[in-house]
Amino acid sequence: MIITDSFELLKLLKDRGYDRADSDEWWWPESGTETALIGAILTQNTKWENVETSLQRLKSDNLLSVEKLASLKEEDIYTHIQASGFFRNKAKNIILLSQHILKDFETFANFKESVNREWLLKQRGIGFETADTVLNYTCYKEAFVIDSYTNRLLLAFGYMMDSYKEIQEWIIDGIYDRYDTLFPDYSRAKVYARSHGMIVEYCKENKKSKTKEIDISKLIL
């Protein structure tokens, strides 16, 4: 089967029932909150189940706010986020990010309203994927998250692209003017969120055993 653009791919995913944003309209749990912001850092190089453990530990001690986190020492949250791996680096990144948000934006609400990709990419430990995750799932801005699942799914359809930017442009080009056809009544930003969610849900369910390749047989029936 040949797909000619991202709209065809995402329509297939939706038609096969992979739009599973049941608990949050933006797919990411507790989108728009400081929980989503910190989750975007913690999810780097680990499984989401580990992130949930870390977030719950932070939440149980009432630490999931930029004000609280900005006032802590790194070692204060080591045990809270250890399950997510690379906890020393992530602790430093979370605390510095929280401090810089308060310094440059004063409040989390102002941060959500005014932050841009350039500012995020200047922060320690934040690359393209994490920046777009924060922009879309925390700040509700138009940013399509590209992750390893997206790349593997496109490879399974024969698309080999060289960079994050190239994949992102291919995805956005296919749906930019048709987003409301894919998900009527949603903003473009929310369509990006739901679309990325469908890719992740499909790929998690259809990884080939013992490899990272994605089985696309359920999409080409």
C-alpha atoms as a PDB file:
ATOM      1  CA  MET A   1       0.000   0.000   0.000  1.00  0.00           C
ATOM      2  CA  ILE A   2       1.229   3.481  -0.882  1.00  0.00           C
ATOM      3  CA  ILE A   3       0.300   6.575   1.086  1.00  0.00           C
ATOM      4  CA  THR A   4       0.926   9.871  -0.652  1.00  0.00           C
ATOM      5  CA  ASP A   5       0.696  12.256   2.280  1.00  0.00           C
ATOM      6  CA  SER A   6       0.196  12.473   6.023  1.00  0.00           C
ATOM      7  CA  PHE A   7      -3.536  13.077   5.710  1.00  0.00           C
ATOM      8  CA  GLU A   8      -3.997   9.616   4.181  1.00  0.00           C
ATOM      9  CA  LEU A   9      -1.905   8.044   6.943  1.00  0.00           C
ATOM     10  CA  LEU A  10      -3.736   9.796   9.768  1.00  0.00           C
ATOM     11  CA  LYS A  11      -7.131   9.087   8.204  1.00  0.00           C
ATOM     12  CA  LEU A  12      -6.203   5.396   8.149  1.00  0.00           C
ATOM     13  CA  LEU A  13      -5.264   5.513  11.818  1.00  0.00           C
ATOM     14  CA  LYS A  14      -8.491   7.249  12.734  1.00  0.00           C
ATOM     15  CA  ASP A  15     -10.620   4.879  10.664  1.00  0.00           C
ATOM     16  CA  ARG A  16      -8.937   1.896  12.392  1.00  0.00           C
ATOM     17  CA  GLY A  17      -9.877   3.246  15.810  1.00  0.00           C
ATOM     18  CA  TYR A  18      -6.568   4.590  17.098  1.00  0.00           C
ATOM     19  CA  ASP A  19      -7.946   7.948  18.222  1.00  0.00           C
ATOM     20  CA  ARG A  20      -7.904   7.030  21.904  1.00  0.00           C
ATOM     21  CA  ALA A  21      -7.851  10.369  23.681  1.00  0.00           C
ATOM     22  CA  ASP A  22     -10.482   9.264  26.178  1.00  0.00           C
ATOM     23  CA  SER A  23      -9.133  10.793  29.370  1.00  0.00           C
ATOM     24  CA  ASP A  24      -7.889  14.091  27.895  1.00  0.00           C
ATOM     25  CA  GLU A  25      -9.024  15.827  24.718  1.00  0.00           C
ATOM     26  CA  TRP A  26      -5.377  16.553  23.898  1.00  0.00           C
ATOM     27  CA  TRP A  27      -4.384  12.872  24.415  1.00  0.00           C
ATOM     28  CA  TRP A  28      -1.487  13.691  26.773  1.00  0.00           C
ATOM     29  CA  PRO A  29      -2.574  13.082  30.400  1.00  0.00           C
ATOM     30  CA  GLU A  30      -3.328  16.296  32.314  1.00  0.00           C
ATOM     31  CA  SER A  31      -2.516  18.446  29.304  1.00  0.00           C
ATOM     32  CA  GLY A  32      -2.142  22.168  29.882  1.00  0.00           C
ATOM     33  CA  THR A  33      -0.767  21.697  33.400  1.00  0.00           C
ATOM     34  CA  GLU A  34       2.577  21.716  35.147  1.00  0.00           C
ATOM     35  CA  THR A  35       2.227  17.936  35.333  1.00  0.00           C
ATOM     36  CA  ALA A  36       2.372  17.815  31.524  1.00  0.00           C
ATOM     37  CA  LEU A  37       5.332  20.190  31.490  1.00  0.00           C
ATOM     38  CA  ILE A  38       7.399  18.085  33.886  1.00  0.00           C
ATOM     39  CA  GLY A  39       6.235  14.899  32.190  1.00  0.00           C
ATOM     40  CA  ALA A  40       7.717  16.141  28.912  1.00  0.00           C
ATOM     41  CA  ILE A  41      11.151  16.243  30.556  1.00  0.00           C
ATOM     42  CA  LEU A  42      10.795  12.963  32.408  1.00  0.00           C
ATOM     43  CA  THR A  43       9.665  11.000  29.359  1.00  0.00           C
ATOM     44  CA  GLN A  44      13.018  11.415  27.609  1.00  0.00           C
ATOM     45  CA  ASN A  45      14.588   7.984  27.019  1.00  0.00           C
ATOM     46  CA  THR A  46      12.178   6.033  29.176  1.00  0.00           C
ATOM     47  CA  LYS A  47       8.782   4.328  29.170  1.00  0.00           C
ATOM     48  CA  TRP A  48       5.671   6.297  30.043  1.00  0.00           C
ATOM     49  CA  GLU A  49       4.893   3.923  32.908  1.00  0.00           C
ATOM     50  CA  ASN A  50       8.109   5.074  34.593  1.00  0.00           C
ATOM     51  CA  VAL A  51       7.109   8.692  34.088  1.00  0.00           C
ATOM     52  CA  GLU A  52       3.752   8.047  35.740  1.00  0.00           C
ATOM     53  CA  THR A  53       5.533   6.636  38.772  1.00  0.00           C
ATOM     54  CA  SER A  54       7.745   9.708  39.035  1.00  0.00           C
ATOM     55  CA  LEU A  55       4.893  12.158  38.560  1.00  0.00           C
ATOM     56  CA  GLN A  56       2.839  10.426  41.228  1.00  0.00           C
ATOM     57  CA  ARG A  57       5.701  10.670  43.696  1.00  0.00           C
ATOM     58  CA  LEU A  58       6.143  14.372  42.974  1.00  0.00           C
ATOM     59  CA  LYS A  59       2.413  14.911  43.245  1.00  0.00           C
ATOM     60  CA  SER A  60       2.147  13.050  46.543  1.00  0.00           C
ATOM     61  CA  ASP A  61       4.608  15.526  48.071  1.00  0.00           C
ATOM     62  CA  ASN A  62       2.903  18.514  46.437  1.00  0.00           C
ATOM     63  CA  LEU A  63       5.946  19.358  44.305  1.00  0.00           C
ATOM     64  CA  LEU A  64       4.337  19.676  40.867  1.00  0.00           C
ATOM     65  CA  SER A  65       4.529  23.437  40.493  1.00  0.00           C
ATOM     66  CA  VAL A  66       7.260  25.590  39.021  1.00  0.00           C
ATOM     67  CA  GLU A  67       7.333  27.647  42.221  1.00  0.00           C
ATOM     68  CA  LYS A  68       8.003  24.597  44.377  1.00  0.00           C
ATOM     69  CA  LEU A  69      10.494  23.035  41.984  1.00  0.00           C
ATOM     70  CA  ALA A  70      12.417  26.264  41.454  1.00  0.00           C
ATOM     71  CA  SER A  71      13.153  26.477  45.178  1.00  0.00           C
ATOM     72  CA  LEU A  72      14.549  22.956  45.541  1.00  0.00           C
ATOM     73  CA  LYS A  73      18.019  21.502  45.357  1.00  0.00           C
ATOM     74  CA  GLU A  74      18.519  18.790  42.761  1.00  0.00           C
ATOM     75  CA  GLU A  75      18.987  16.063  45.360  1.00  0.00           C
ATOM     76  CA  ASP A  76      15.593  16.953  46.846  1.00  0.00           C
ATOM     77  CA  ILE A  77      13.843  15.214  43.946  1.00  0.00           C
ATOM     78  CA  TYR A  78      16.273  12.411  43.099  1.00  0.00           C
ATOM     79  CA  THR A  79      14.200   9.751  44.824  1.00  0.00           C
ATOM     80  CA  HIS A  80      10.968  11.143  43.371  1.00  0.00           C
ATOM     81  CA  ILE A  81      12.080  10.812  39.741  1.00  0.00           C
ATOM     82  CA  GLN A  82      14.536   7.924  39.932  1.00  0.00           C
ATOM     83  CA  ALA A  83      12.107   5.603  38.142  1.00  0.00           C
ATOM     84  CA  SER A  84      12.403   7.726  34.986  1.00  0.00           C
ATOM     85  CA  GLY A  85      16.147   7.157  34.610  1.00  0.00           C
ATOM     86  CA  PHE A  86      18.933   9.723  34.141  1.00  0.00           C
ATOM     87  CA  PHE A  87      17.477  11.258  37.280  1.00  0.00           C
ATOM     88  CA  ARG A  88      20.428  13.499  38.104  1.00  0.00           C
ATOM     89  CA  ASN A  89      20.351  15.199  34.722  1.00  0.00           C
ATOM     90  CA  LYS A  90      16.574  15.393  34.715  1.00  0.00           C
ATOM     91  CA  ALA A  91      16.506  16.882  38.211  1.00  0.00           C
ATOM     92  CA  LYS A  92      18.916  19.620  37.120  1.00  0.00           C
ATOM     93  CA  ASN A  93      16.927  20.290  33.938  1.00  0.00           C
ATOM     94  CA  ILE A  94      13.567  20.454  35.735  1.00  0.00           C
ATOM     95  CA  ILE A  95      14.803  22.824  38.428  1.00  0.00           C
ATOM     96  CA  LEU A  96      16.627  25.113  35.976  1.00  0.00           C
ATOM     97  CA  LEU A  97      13.604  25.198  33.684  1.00  0.00           C
ATOM     98  CA  SER A  98      11.334  26.103  36.596  1.00  0.00           C
ATOM     99  CA  GLN A  99      13.692  28.875  37.699  1.00  0.00           C
ATOM    100  CA  HIS A 100      13.954  30.289  34.183  1.00  0.00           C
ATOM    101  CA  ILE A 101      10.167  30.239  33.737  1.00  0.00           C
ATOM    102  CA  LEU A 102       9.731  32.334  36.866  1.00  0.00           C
ATOM    103  CA  LYS A 103      12.587  34.657  35.908  1.00  0.00           C
ATOM    104  CA  ASP A 104      11.426  35.289  32.325  1.00  0.00           C
ATOM    105  CA  PHE A 105       7.644  34.889  32.609  1.00  0.00           C
ATOM    106  CA  GLU A 106       6.889  35.314  36.341  1.00  0.00           C
ATOM    107  CA  THR A 107       4.088  32.732  36.331  1.00  0.00           C
ATOM    108  CA  PHE A 108       3.260  29.403  34.694  1.00  0.00           C
ATOM    109  CA  ALA A 109       0.174  31.004  33.127  1.00  0.00           C
ATOM    110  CA  ASN A 110       2.296  33.698  31.481  1.00  0.00           C
ATOM    111  CA  PHE A 111       4.726  31.032  30.304  1.00  0.00           C
ATOM    112  CA  LYS A 112       1.938  29.098  28.600  1.00  0.00           C
ATOM    113  CA  GLU A 113       0.720  32.242  26.869  1.00  0.00           C
ATOM    114  CA  SER A 114       4.034  33.716  25.756  1.00  0.00           C
ATOM    115  CA  VAL A 115       6.713  31.039  25.417  1.00  0.00           C
ATOM    116  CA  ASN A 116       8.042  30.137  21.980  1.00  0.00           C
ATOM    117  CA  ARG A 117      10.168  27.373  20.510  1.00  0.00           C
ATOM    118  CA  GLU A 118      13.317  29.482  20.431  1.00  0.00           C
ATOM    119  CA  TRP A 119      13.147  30.102  24.188  1.00  0.00           C
ATOM    120  CA  LEU A 120      12.589  26.431  24.932  1.00  0.00           C
ATOM    121  CA  LEU A 121      15.484  25.287  22.756  1.00  0.00           C
ATOM    122  CA  LYS A 122      17.831  27.489  24.776  1.00  0.00           C
ATOM    123  CA  GLN A 123      16.979  25.587  27.954  1.00  0.00           C
ATOM    124  CA  ARG A 124      19.254  22.861  29.236  1.00  0.00           C
ATOM    125  CA  GLY A 125      18.204  19.381  28.138  1.00  0.00           C
ATOM    126  CA  ILE A 126      15.457  20.491  25.745  1.00  0.00           C
ATOM    127  CA  GLY A 127      15.686  19.470  22.110  1.00  0.00           C
ATOM    128  CA  PHE A 128      13.209  19.614  19.243  1.00  0.00           C
ATOM    129  CA  GLU A 129      10.930  16.800  20.427  1.00  0.00           C
ATOM    130  CA  THR A 130      10.683  18.007  24.018  1.00  0.00           C
ATOM    131  CA  ALA A 131      10.198  21.622  22.918  1.00  0.00           C
ATOM    132  CA  ASP A 132       7.316  20.668  20.632  1.00  0.00           C
ATOM    133  CA  THR A 133       5.831  18.419  23.315  1.00  0.00           C
ATOM    134  CA  VAL A 134       5.772  21.343  25.742  1.00  0.00           C
ATOM    135  CA  LEU A 135       4.392  23.748  23.130  1.00  0.00           C
ATOM    136  CA  ASN A 136       1.580  21.463  22.054  1.00  0.00           C
ATOM    137  CA  TYR A 137       0.559  19.507  25.130  1.00  0.00           C
ATOM    138  CA  THR A 138       1.305  22.084  27.814  1.00  0.00           C
ATOM    139  CA  CYS A 139       0.829  25.403  26.002  1.00  0.00           C
ATOM    140  CA  TYR A 140      -1.773  24.348  23.410  1.00  0.00           C
ATOM    141  CA  LYS A 141       0.235  25.844  20.551  1.00  0.00           C
ATOM    142  CA  GLU A 142       0.578  24.606  16.978  1.00  0.00           C
ATOM    143  CA  ALA A 143       3.540  22.235  17.169  1.00  0.00           C
ATOM    144  CA  PHE A 144       3.493  18.687  15.813  1.00  0.00           C
ATOM    145  CA  VAL A 145       5.617  16.347  17.931  1.00  0.00           C
ATOM    146  CA  ILE A 146       7.895  14.021  15.987  1.00  0.00           C
ATOM    147  CA  ASP A 147       9.238  11.042  17.900  1.00  0.00           C
ATOM    148  CA  SER A 148      10.837   7.680  17.195  1.00  0.00           C
ATOM    149  CA  TYR A 149       7.409   6.115  16.670  1.00  0.00           C
ATOM    150  CA  THR A 150       6.637   8.586  13.882  1.00  0.00           C
ATOM    151  CA  ASN A 151       9.928   7.851  12.168  1.00  0.00           C
ATOM    152  CA  ARG A 152       9.478   4.071  12.424  1.00  0.00           C
ATOM    153  CA  LEU A 153       5.936   4.210  11.078  1.00  0.00           C
ATOM    154  CA  LEU A 154       7.010   6.255   8.072  1.00  0.00           C
ATOM    155  CA  LEU A 155       9.922   3.879   7.460  1.00  0.00           C
ATOM    156  CA  ALA A 156       7.445   0.997   7.396  1.00  0.00           C
ATOM    157  CA  PHE A 157       5.639   2.788   4.559  1.00  0.00           C
ATOM    158  CA  GLY A 158       8.907   3.374   2.708  1.00  0.00           C
ATOM    159  CA  TYR A 159       9.528   6.988   3.687  1.00  0.00           C
ATOM    160  CA  MET A 160      13.137   7.578   4.719  1.00  0.00           C
ATOM    161  CA  MET A 161      13.762  11.131   5.875  1.00  0.00           C
ATOM    162  CA  ASP A 162      16.969  12.692   7.094  1.00  0.00           C
ATOM    163  CA  SER A 163      15.929  14.984   9.916  1.00  0.00           C
ATOM    164  CA  TYR A 164      13.353  15.906  12.520  1.00  0.00           C
ATOM    165  CA  LYS A 165      12.511  19.020  10.499  1.00  0.00           C
ATOM    166  CA  GLU A 166      11.942  17.068   7.286  1.00  0.00           C
ATOM    167  CA  ILE A 167       9.568  14.611   8.953  1.00  0.00           C
ATOM    168  CA  GLN A 168       7.702  17.416  10.718  1.00  0.00           C
ATOM    169  CA  GLU A 169       7.280  19.392   7.505  1.00  0.00           C
ATOM    170  CA  TRP A 170       5.979  16.310   5.680  1.00  0.00           C
ATOM    171  CA  ILE A 171       3.409  15.649   8.402  1.00  0.00           C
ATOM    172  CA  ILE A 172       2.256  19.266   8.657  1.00  0.00           C
ATOM    173  CA  ASP A 173       2.103  19.851   4.905  1.00  0.00           C
ATOM    174  CA  GLY A 174      -0.374  17.007   4.481  1.00  0.00           C
ATOM    175  CA  ILE A 175      -2.865  18.198   7.072  1.00  0.00           C
ATOM    176  CA  TYR A 176      -2.314  21.936   7.493  1.00  0.00           C
ATOM    177  CA  ASP A 177      -5.258  22.967   5.309  1.00  0.00           C
ATOM    178  CA  ARG A 178      -7.317  19.826   5.972  1.00  0.00           C
ATOM    179  CA  TYR A 179      -7.062  19.541   9.745  1.00  0.00           C
ATOM    180  CA  ASP A 180     -10.773  20.261  10.175  1.00  0.00           C
ATOM    181  CA  THR A 181     -11.606  17.415   7.787  1.00  0.00           C
ATOM    182  CA  LEU A 182      -9.646  15.000   9.931  1.00  0.00           C
ATOM    183  CA  PHE A 183     -11.114  16.251  13.232  1.00  0.00           C
ATOM    184  CA  PRO A 184     -14.076  18.615  12.740  1.00  0.00           C
ATOM    185  CA  ASP A 185     -14.576  21.372  15.320  1.00  0.00           C
ATOM    186  CA  TYR A 186     -11.024  21.116  16.702  1.00  0.00           C
ATOM    187  CA  SER A 187      -8.304  23.737  16.498  1.00  0.00           C
ATOM    188  CA  ARG A 188      -5.270  22.954  14.387  1.00  0.00           C
ATOM    189  CA  ALA A 189      -3.187  22.623  17.557  1.00  0.00           C
ATOM    190  CA  LYS A 190      -5.561  20.037  19.016  1.00  0.00           C
ATOM    191  CA  VAL A 191      -5.610  18.109  15.727  1.00  0.00           C
ATOM    192  CA  TYR A 192      -1.810  17.950  15.881  1.00  0.00           C
ATOM    193  CA  ALA A 193      -2.078  16.550  19.407  1.00  0.00           C
ATOM    194  CA  ARG A 194      -4.686  13.929  18.553  1.00  0.00           C
ATOM    195  CA  SER A 195      -2.825  12.954  15.388  1.00  0.00           C
ATOM    196  CA  HIS A 196       0.446  12.402  17.212  1.00  0.00           C
ATOM    197  CA  GLY A 197      -1.471  10.421  19.807  1.00  0.00           C
ATOM    198  CA  MET A 198      -2.849   8.101  17.129  1.00  0.00           C
ATOM    199  CA  ILE A 199       0.650   7.424  15.820  1.00  0.00           C
ATOM    200  CA  VAL A 200       1.911   6.534  19.290  1.00  0.00           C
ATOM    201  CA  GLU A 201      -1.090   4.331  20.105  1.00  0.00           C
ATOM    202  CA  TYR A 202      -0.751   2.390  16.870  1.00  0.00           C
ATOM    203  CA  CYS A 203       2.992   1.911  17.131  1.00  0.00           C
ATOM    204  CA  LYS A 204       2.892   0.754  20.755  1.00  0.00           C
ATOM    205  CA  GLU A 205       0.340  -1.878  19.825  1.00  0.00           C
ATOM    206  CA  ASN A 206       2.013  -3.028  16.617  1.00  0.00           C
ATOM    207  CA  LYS A 207       5.728  -3.299  17.286  1.00  0.00           C
ATOM    208  CA  LYS A 208       7.233  -6.384  15.721  1.00  0.00           C
ATOM    209  CA  SER A 209       8.542  -8.822  18.285  1.00  0.00           C
ATOM    210  CA  LYS A 210      12.236  -8.467  19.176  1.00  0.00           C
ATOM    211  CA  THR A 211      12.691  -5.437  16.894  1.00  0.00           C
ATOM    212  CA  LYS A 212      11.762  -1.767  16.851  1.00  0.00           C
ATOM    213  CA  GLU A 213      10.088  -2.082  13.461  1.00  0.00           C
ATOM    214  CA  ILE A 214       6.387  -1.333  13.093  1.00  0.00           C
ATOM    215  CA  ASP A 215       3.933  -3.802  11.602  1.00  0.00           C
ATOM    216  CA  ILE A 216       1.580  -1.906   9.270  1.00  0.00           C
ATOM    217  CA  SER A 217      -0.608  -4.868   8.366  1.00  0.00           C
ATOM    218  CA  LYS A 218      -3.544  -3.539  10.412  1.00  0.00           C
ATOM    219  CA  LEU A 219      -3.532  -0.378   8.286  1.00  0.00           C
ATOM    220  CA  ILE A 220      -3.492  -2.038   4.894  1.00  0.00           C
ATOM    221  CA  LEU A 221      -6.296  -4.589   5.264  1.00  0.00           C
END
